[in-house]
């Protein structure tokens, strides 16, 4: 019976994450292009969707497959876990704020789009780095 509830919990999380991702696609309309800024707009939207996929995958893997049998005193002494928490918080808020306030920029929106695209790609690389640092128990 325990395996059923574990499967159900995995299913609920996967369904919720897919729902969030599909809602993001519907709201962003990634292939609806701007007349003047076609490339920068599509790069911003696609980089955000790629970031969202990586972030949701990272959260799912950490929730269910991270090895929790480590000595927390050793980790807290060197400060790496605090740095990882800060990176996760930044990677949660920064791209979401960046995609939400994009319409506030009228004059330099092309530059803004490229800057936020670059920021999204840096956050993706940080998430990949953190995925490689975690011990997984599949």
N, C-alpha and C. Protein backbone atom coordinates (compact mmCIF):
# COMPACT_ATOMS: atom_id res chain seq x y z
N UNK A 1 0.82 -1.20 0.00
CA UNK A 1 0.00 0.00 0.00
C UNK A 1 0.86 1.26 0.00
N UNK A 2 2.03 1.18 0.59
CA UNK A 2 2.92 2.32 0.65
C UNK A 2 3.37 2.75 -0.75
N UNK A 3 3.60 1.78 -1.62
CA UNK A 3 4.02 2.11 -2.99
C UNK A 3 2.92 2.85 -3.75
N UNK A 4 1.68 2.52 -3.46
CA UNK A 4 0.57 3.21 -4.13
C UNK A 4 0.56 4.68 -3.76
N UNK A 5 0.72 4.99 -2.47
CA UNK A 5 0.69 6.39 -2.04
C UNK A 5 1.91 7.15 -2.55
N UNK A 6 3.03 6.47 -2.62
CA UNK A 6 4.23 7.09 -3.19
C UNK A 6 4.02 7.39 -4.67
N UNK A 7 3.45 6.44 -5.40
CA UNK A 7 3.14 6.66 -6.81
C UNK A 7 2.14 7.80 -6.97
N UNK A 8 1.12 7.83 -6.12
CA UNK A 8 0.11 8.88 -6.18
C UNK A 8 0.73 10.25 -5.92
N UNK A 9 1.63 10.33 -4.97
CA UNK A 9 2.30 11.60 -4.67
C UNK A 9 3.16 12.05 -5.84
N UNK A 10 3.90 11.14 -6.45
CA UNK A 10 4.69 11.46 -7.64
C UNK A 10 3.78 11.93 -8.76
N UNK A 11 2.70 11.23 -8.97
CA UNK A 11 1.76 11.58 -10.03
C UNK A 11 1.17 12.97 -9.82
N UNK A 12 0.80 13.28 -8.58
CA UNK A 12 0.22 14.59 -8.28
C UNK A 12 1.23 15.70 -8.55
N UNK A 13 2.48 15.50 -8.13
CA UNK A 13 3.50 16.51 -8.37
C UNK A 13 3.79 16.68 -9.86
N UNK A 14 3.91 15.59 -10.59
CA UNK A 14 4.17 15.68 -12.02
C UNK A 14 3.01 16.36 -12.73
N UNK A 15 1.79 16.01 -12.38
CA UNK A 15 0.62 16.63 -13.01
C UNK A 15 0.56 18.12 -12.69
N UNK A 16 0.86 18.49 -11.46
CA UNK A 16 0.86 19.91 -11.08
C UNK A 16 1.93 20.68 -11.81
N UNK A 17 3.13 20.12 -11.90
CA UNK A 17 4.21 20.81 -12.61
C UNK A 17 3.90 20.94 -14.10
N UNK A 18 3.31 19.90 -14.69
CA UNK A 18 2.92 20.01 -16.10
C UNK A 18 1.83 21.05 -16.29
N UNK A 19 0.90 21.13 -15.36
CA UNK A 19 -0.15 22.13 -15.42
C UNK A 19 0.44 23.55 -15.35
N UNK A 20 1.38 23.75 -14.45
CA UNK A 20 2.04 25.07 -14.33
C UNK A 20 2.77 25.40 -15.62
N UNK A 21 3.45 24.43 -16.20
CA UNK A 21 4.20 24.66 -17.44
C UNK A 21 3.26 24.98 -18.61
N UNK A 22 2.16 24.27 -18.71
CA UNK A 22 1.19 24.52 -19.79
C UNK A 22 0.54 25.88 -19.62
N UNK A 23 0.22 26.26 -18.39
CA UNK A 23 -0.35 27.59 -18.13
C UNK A 23 0.66 28.67 -18.53
N UNK A 24 1.94 28.45 -18.24
CA UNK A 24 2.98 29.42 -18.63
C UNK A 24 3.04 29.55 -20.15
N UNK A 25 2.92 28.44 -20.86
CA UNK A 25 2.92 28.49 -22.33
C UNK A 25 1.71 29.26 -22.83
N UNK A 26 0.56 29.01 -22.25
CA UNK A 26 -0.66 29.70 -22.68
C UNK A 26 -0.57 31.20 -22.41
N UNK A 27 -0.06 31.57 -21.26
CA UNK A 27 0.03 33.00 -20.92
C UNK A 27 1.10 33.70 -21.75
N UNK A 28 2.25 33.05 -21.95
CA UNK A 28 3.35 33.70 -22.68
C UNK A 28 3.12 33.79 -24.18
N UNK A 29 2.42 32.82 -24.72
CA UNK A 29 2.25 32.73 -26.17
C UNK A 29 3.61 32.88 -26.87
N UNK A 30 4.47 31.87 -26.75
CA UNK A 30 5.86 32.02 -27.16
C UNK A 30 6.07 32.27 -28.65
N UNK A 31 5.16 31.88 -29.48
CA UNK A 31 5.38 32.06 -30.92
C UNK A 31 4.59 33.23 -31.48
N UNK A 32 4.01 34.02 -30.60
CA UNK A 32 3.39 35.27 -31.03
C UNK A 32 4.48 36.34 -31.02
N UNK A 33 4.87 36.78 -32.19
CA UNK A 33 6.04 37.64 -32.32
C UNK A 33 5.68 39.12 -32.35
N UNK A 34 6.61 39.90 -31.87
CA UNK A 34 6.49 41.35 -31.95
C UNK A 34 7.03 41.78 -33.30
N UNK A 35 6.42 42.78 -33.91
CA UNK A 35 6.85 43.20 -35.25
C UNK A 35 8.28 43.73 -35.28
N UNK A 36 8.63 44.54 -34.31
CA UNK A 36 9.95 45.17 -34.32
C UNK A 36 11.02 44.30 -33.69
N UNK A 37 10.67 43.54 -32.68
CA UNK A 37 11.66 42.80 -31.90
C UNK A 37 11.37 41.30 -31.96
N UNK A 38 11.41 40.72 -33.13
CA UNK A 38 11.06 39.31 -33.27
C UNK A 38 12.04 38.39 -32.54
N UNK A 39 13.31 38.56 -32.81
CA UNK A 39 14.31 37.64 -32.27
C UNK A 39 14.45 37.80 -30.76
N UNK A 40 14.50 39.03 -30.29
CA UNK A 40 14.68 39.22 -28.84
C UNK A 40 13.46 38.73 -28.06
N UNK A 41 12.27 38.92 -28.62
CA UNK A 41 11.06 38.47 -27.93
C UNK A 41 10.99 36.95 -27.86
N UNK A 42 11.27 36.29 -28.98
CA UNK A 42 11.20 34.82 -28.96
C UNK A 42 12.33 34.24 -28.12
N UNK A 43 13.49 34.87 -28.11
CA UNK A 43 14.58 34.36 -27.27
C UNK A 43 14.23 34.50 -25.80
N UNK A 44 13.60 35.61 -25.42
CA UNK A 44 13.20 35.80 -24.02
C UNK A 44 12.16 34.76 -23.62
N UNK A 45 11.15 34.58 -24.43
CA UNK A 45 10.07 33.65 -24.07
C UNK A 45 10.55 32.20 -24.03
N UNK A 46 11.34 31.81 -25.02
CA UNK A 46 11.82 30.43 -25.04
C UNK A 46 12.83 30.16 -23.93
N UNK A 47 13.68 31.15 -23.63
CA UNK A 47 14.63 30.95 -22.53
C UNK A 47 13.89 30.86 -21.19
N UNK A 48 12.80 31.61 -21.04
CA UNK A 48 12.01 31.51 -19.81
C UNK A 48 11.35 30.13 -19.71
N UNK A 49 10.79 29.64 -20.80
CA UNK A 49 10.16 28.32 -20.75
C UNK A 49 11.19 27.23 -20.49
N UNK A 50 12.38 27.38 -21.05
CA UNK A 50 13.45 26.42 -20.79
C UNK A 50 13.87 26.49 -19.33
N UNK A 51 13.99 27.71 -18.80
CA UNK A 51 14.30 27.88 -17.38
C UNK A 51 13.22 27.20 -16.52
N UNK A 52 11.96 27.44 -16.84
CA UNK A 52 10.88 26.89 -16.05
C UNK A 52 10.91 25.37 -16.06
N UNK A 53 11.20 24.78 -17.21
CA UNK A 53 11.30 23.32 -17.28
C UNK A 53 12.44 22.80 -16.41
N UNK A 54 13.60 23.46 -16.47
CA UNK A 54 14.72 23.05 -15.63
C UNK A 54 14.41 23.24 -14.16
N UNK A 55 13.79 24.36 -13.80
CA UNK A 55 13.50 24.63 -12.39
C UNK A 55 12.49 23.63 -11.84
N UNK A 56 11.44 23.35 -12.59
CA UNK A 56 10.45 22.38 -12.12
C UNK A 56 11.05 20.98 -12.01
N UNK A 57 11.90 20.63 -12.98
CA UNK A 57 12.59 19.35 -12.91
C UNK A 57 13.53 19.27 -11.72
N UNK A 58 14.24 20.37 -11.45
CA UNK A 58 15.14 20.42 -10.30
C UNK A 58 14.37 20.25 -9.00
N UNK A 59 13.26 20.95 -8.87
CA UNK A 59 12.45 20.85 -7.64
C UNK A 59 11.92 19.43 -7.48
N UNK A 60 11.45 18.82 -8.55
CA UNK A 60 10.94 17.45 -8.48
C UNK A 60 12.04 16.49 -8.04
N UNK A 61 13.22 16.61 -8.65
CA UNK A 61 14.31 15.71 -8.30
C UNK A 61 14.76 15.90 -6.86
N UNK A 62 14.83 17.15 -6.41
CA UNK A 62 15.26 17.39 -5.03
C UNK A 62 14.22 16.87 -4.04
N UNK A 63 12.95 17.04 -4.35
CA UNK A 63 11.91 16.57 -3.43
C UNK A 63 11.89 15.06 -3.28
N UNK A 64 12.11 14.35 -4.38
CA UNK A 64 11.90 12.91 -4.34
C UNK A 64 13.15 12.06 -4.43
N UNK A 65 14.24 12.59 -4.97
CA UNK A 65 15.39 11.72 -5.22
C UNK A 65 16.70 12.20 -4.62
N UNK A 66 16.70 13.30 -3.89
CA UNK A 66 17.94 13.75 -3.25
C UNK A 66 18.24 12.85 -2.07
N UNK A 67 19.49 12.54 -1.90
CA UNK A 67 19.92 11.69 -0.79
C UNK A 67 19.90 12.53 0.48
N UNK A 68 19.04 12.19 1.41
CA UNK A 68 18.89 12.95 2.64
C UNK A 68 19.72 12.40 3.78
N UNK A 69 20.55 11.40 3.53
CA UNK A 69 21.32 10.77 4.58
C UNK A 69 22.72 11.36 4.69
N UNK A 70 22.80 12.68 4.80
CA UNK A 70 24.09 13.33 4.93
C UNK A 70 24.16 14.01 6.28
N UNK A 71 25.36 14.23 6.75
CA UNK A 71 25.56 14.89 8.03
C UNK A 71 25.40 16.39 7.86
N UNK A 72 24.37 16.95 8.44
CA UNK A 72 24.08 18.37 8.22
C UNK A 72 25.08 19.28 8.90
N UNK A 73 25.73 18.81 9.97
CA UNK A 73 26.72 19.65 10.64
C UNK A 73 27.92 19.91 9.75
N UNK A 74 28.34 18.90 8.99
CA UNK A 74 29.47 19.09 8.08
C UNK A 74 29.11 20.05 6.95
N UNK A 75 27.90 19.97 6.45
CA UNK A 75 27.48 20.82 5.34
C UNK A 75 27.35 22.27 5.81
N UNK A 76 26.78 22.48 6.97
CA UNK A 76 26.56 23.84 7.45
C UNK A 76 27.87 24.52 7.84
N UNK A 77 28.91 23.76 8.20
CA UNK A 77 30.16 24.36 8.60
C UNK A 77 30.86 25.07 7.46
N UNK A 78 30.84 24.50 6.27
CA UNK A 78 31.58 25.13 5.17
C UNK A 78 30.75 26.17 4.42
N UNK A 79 29.46 26.29 4.68
CA UNK A 79 28.64 27.36 4.10
C UNK A 79 28.13 27.08 2.70
N UNK A 80 28.39 25.91 2.15
CA UNK A 80 27.93 25.65 0.79
C UNK A 80 26.42 25.52 0.71
N UNK A 81 25.80 24.95 1.74
CA UNK A 81 24.35 24.80 1.67
C UNK A 81 23.65 26.15 1.73
N UNK A 82 24.21 27.09 2.49
CA UNK A 82 23.63 28.43 2.52
C UNK A 82 23.74 29.06 1.14
N UNK A 83 24.87 28.86 0.49
CA UNK A 83 25.04 29.40 -0.86
C UNK A 83 24.06 28.75 -1.83
N UNK A 84 23.84 27.45 -1.69
CA UNK A 84 22.88 26.76 -2.55
C UNK A 84 21.46 27.28 -2.33
N UNK A 85 21.09 27.53 -1.08
CA UNK A 85 19.77 28.09 -0.80
C UNK A 85 19.62 29.47 -1.43
N UNK A 86 20.64 30.28 -1.34
CA UNK A 86 20.59 31.61 -1.95
C UNK A 86 20.46 31.50 -3.46
N UNK A 87 21.20 30.58 -4.07
CA UNK A 87 21.11 30.39 -5.53
C UNK A 87 19.70 29.93 -5.91
N UNK A 88 19.12 29.01 -5.14
CA UNK A 88 17.77 28.54 -5.46
C UNK A 88 16.76 29.67 -5.31
N UNK A 89 16.87 30.48 -4.27
CA UNK A 89 15.96 31.61 -4.10
C UNK A 89 16.09 32.62 -5.24
N UNK A 90 17.32 32.93 -5.60
CA UNK A 90 17.54 33.85 -6.72
C UNK A 90 17.00 33.25 -8.01
N UNK A 91 17.24 31.96 -8.21
CA UNK A 91 16.77 31.33 -9.44
C UNK A 91 15.25 31.20 -9.48
N UNK A 92 14.60 31.28 -8.33
CA UNK A 92 13.15 31.26 -8.32
C UNK A 92 12.57 32.64 -8.63
N UNK A 93 13.11 33.67 -8.02
CA UNK A 93 12.52 35.00 -8.13
C UNK A 93 12.97 35.78 -9.36
N UNK A 94 14.26 35.77 -9.67
CA UNK A 94 14.79 36.66 -10.69
C UNK A 94 14.18 36.45 -12.09
N UNK A 95 14.15 35.24 -12.63
CA UNK A 95 13.54 35.07 -13.96
C UNK A 95 12.04 35.37 -13.98
N UNK A 96 11.35 35.04 -12.89
CA UNK A 96 9.91 35.33 -12.85
C UNK A 96 9.64 36.82 -12.81
N UNK A 97 10.42 37.55 -12.05
CA UNK A 97 10.28 39.01 -12.03
C UNK A 97 10.65 39.58 -13.39
N UNK A 98 11.71 39.04 -13.98
CA UNK A 98 12.15 39.52 -15.29
C UNK A 98 11.09 39.35 -16.37
N UNK A 99 10.38 38.25 -16.36
CA UNK A 99 9.35 38.04 -17.39
C UNK A 99 8.10 38.86 -17.09
N UNK A 100 7.84 39.14 -15.81
CA UNK A 100 6.63 39.90 -15.46
C UNK A 100 6.76 41.39 -15.76
N UNK A 101 7.95 41.95 -15.61
CA UNK A 101 8.07 43.40 -15.78
C UNK A 101 8.58 43.79 -17.16
N UNK A 102 8.58 42.87 -18.11
CA UNK A 102 9.12 43.17 -19.43
C UNK A 102 8.32 44.25 -20.16
N UNK A 103 7.04 44.37 -19.90
CA UNK A 103 6.22 45.36 -20.59
C UNK A 103 6.40 46.77 -20.05
N UNK A 104 7.08 46.91 -18.92
CA UNK A 104 7.34 48.23 -18.36
C UNK A 104 8.43 48.96 -19.15
N UNK A 105 9.23 48.21 -19.87
CA UNK A 105 10.32 48.79 -20.64
C UNK A 105 9.84 49.08 -22.06
N UNK A 106 9.73 50.34 -22.38
CA UNK A 106 9.25 50.73 -23.72
C UNK A 106 10.41 51.06 -24.66
N UNK A 107 11.38 51.82 -24.12
CA UNK A 107 12.46 52.34 -24.97
C UNK A 107 13.48 51.27 -25.35
N UNK A 108 14.02 50.62 -24.39
CA UNK A 108 15.12 49.68 -24.60
C UNK A 108 14.67 48.23 -24.41
N UNK A 109 13.52 47.89 -24.92
CA UNK A 109 13.01 46.54 -24.67
C UNK A 109 13.84 45.47 -25.34
N UNK A 110 14.43 45.74 -26.49
CA UNK A 110 15.28 44.75 -27.14
C UNK A 110 16.48 44.40 -26.28
N UNK A 111 17.13 45.41 -25.73
CA UNK A 111 18.27 45.18 -24.84
C UNK A 111 17.81 44.46 -23.57
N UNK A 112 16.67 44.87 -23.05
CA UNK A 112 16.12 44.21 -21.86
C UNK A 112 15.85 42.74 -22.13
N UNK A 113 15.25 42.44 -23.28
CA UNK A 113 14.95 41.05 -23.63
C UNK A 113 16.22 40.21 -23.69
N UNK A 114 17.27 40.74 -24.32
CA UNK A 114 18.52 39.99 -24.41
C UNK A 114 19.18 39.83 -23.04
N UNK A 115 19.08 40.86 -22.20
CA UNK A 115 19.67 40.78 -20.86
C UNK A 115 18.96 39.73 -20.02
N UNK A 116 17.65 39.71 -20.05
CA UNK A 116 16.90 38.72 -19.27
C UNK A 116 17.10 37.32 -19.86
N UNK A 117 17.24 37.21 -21.17
CA UNK A 117 17.54 35.92 -21.79
C UNK A 117 18.88 35.40 -21.28
N UNK A 118 19.88 36.26 -21.25
CA UNK A 118 21.18 35.87 -20.72
C UNK A 118 21.08 35.45 -19.25
N UNK A 119 20.31 36.21 -18.47
CA UNK A 119 20.11 35.90 -17.06
C UNK A 119 19.43 34.53 -16.91
N UNK A 120 18.44 34.25 -17.74
CA UNK A 120 17.76 32.95 -17.68
C UNK A 120 18.74 31.81 -17.99
N UNK A 121 19.61 32.01 -18.96
CA UNK A 121 20.58 30.98 -19.31
C UNK A 121 21.60 30.77 -18.19
N UNK A 122 21.99 31.85 -17.51
CA UNK A 122 22.90 31.72 -16.37
C UNK A 122 22.23 30.94 -15.24
N UNK A 123 20.96 31.21 -15.01
CA UNK A 123 20.23 30.49 -13.96
C UNK A 123 20.11 29.02 -14.33
N UNK A 124 19.88 28.72 -15.59
CA UNK A 124 19.82 27.31 -16.04
C UNK A 124 21.16 26.63 -15.77
N UNK A 125 22.26 27.30 -16.09
CA UNK A 125 23.57 26.71 -15.83
C UNK A 125 23.81 26.51 -14.33
N UNK A 126 23.34 27.44 -13.50
CA UNK A 126 23.47 27.28 -12.05
C UNK A 126 22.66 26.08 -11.56
N UNK A 127 21.47 25.89 -12.12
CA UNK A 127 20.66 24.73 -11.73
C UNK A 127 21.31 23.42 -12.17
N UNK A 128 21.90 23.42 -13.36
CA UNK A 128 22.60 22.22 -13.82
C UNK A 128 23.79 21.93 -12.92
N UNK A 129 24.52 22.98 -12.54
CA UNK A 129 25.66 22.80 -11.63
C UNK A 129 25.19 22.21 -10.30
N UNK A 130 24.09 22.73 -9.78
CA UNK A 130 23.59 22.22 -8.51
C UNK A 130 23.07 20.79 -8.63
N UNK A 131 22.49 20.45 -9.78
CA UNK A 131 22.04 19.07 -9.98
C UNK A 131 23.22 18.11 -9.96
N UNK A 132 24.36 18.56 -10.48
CA UNK A 132 25.55 17.71 -10.48
C UNK A 132 26.17 17.58 -9.09
N UNK A 133 25.92 18.52 -8.20
CA UNK A 133 26.51 18.49 -6.87
C UNK A 133 25.71 17.65 -5.88
N UNK A 134 24.46 17.39 -6.18
CA UNK A 134 23.60 16.65 -5.26
C UNK A 134 23.79 15.16 -5.45
N UNK A 135 23.80 14.42 -4.33
CA UNK A 135 23.85 12.96 -4.41
C UNK A 135 22.43 12.44 -4.57
N UNK A 136 22.21 11.70 -5.64
CA UNK A 136 20.87 11.22 -5.95
C UNK A 136 20.71 9.79 -5.48
N UNK A 137 19.51 9.42 -5.10
CA UNK A 137 19.20 8.03 -4.70
C UNK A 137 18.00 7.57 -5.51
N UNK A 138 18.26 7.07 -6.69
CA UNK A 138 17.17 6.62 -7.57
C UNK A 138 16.74 5.25 -7.23
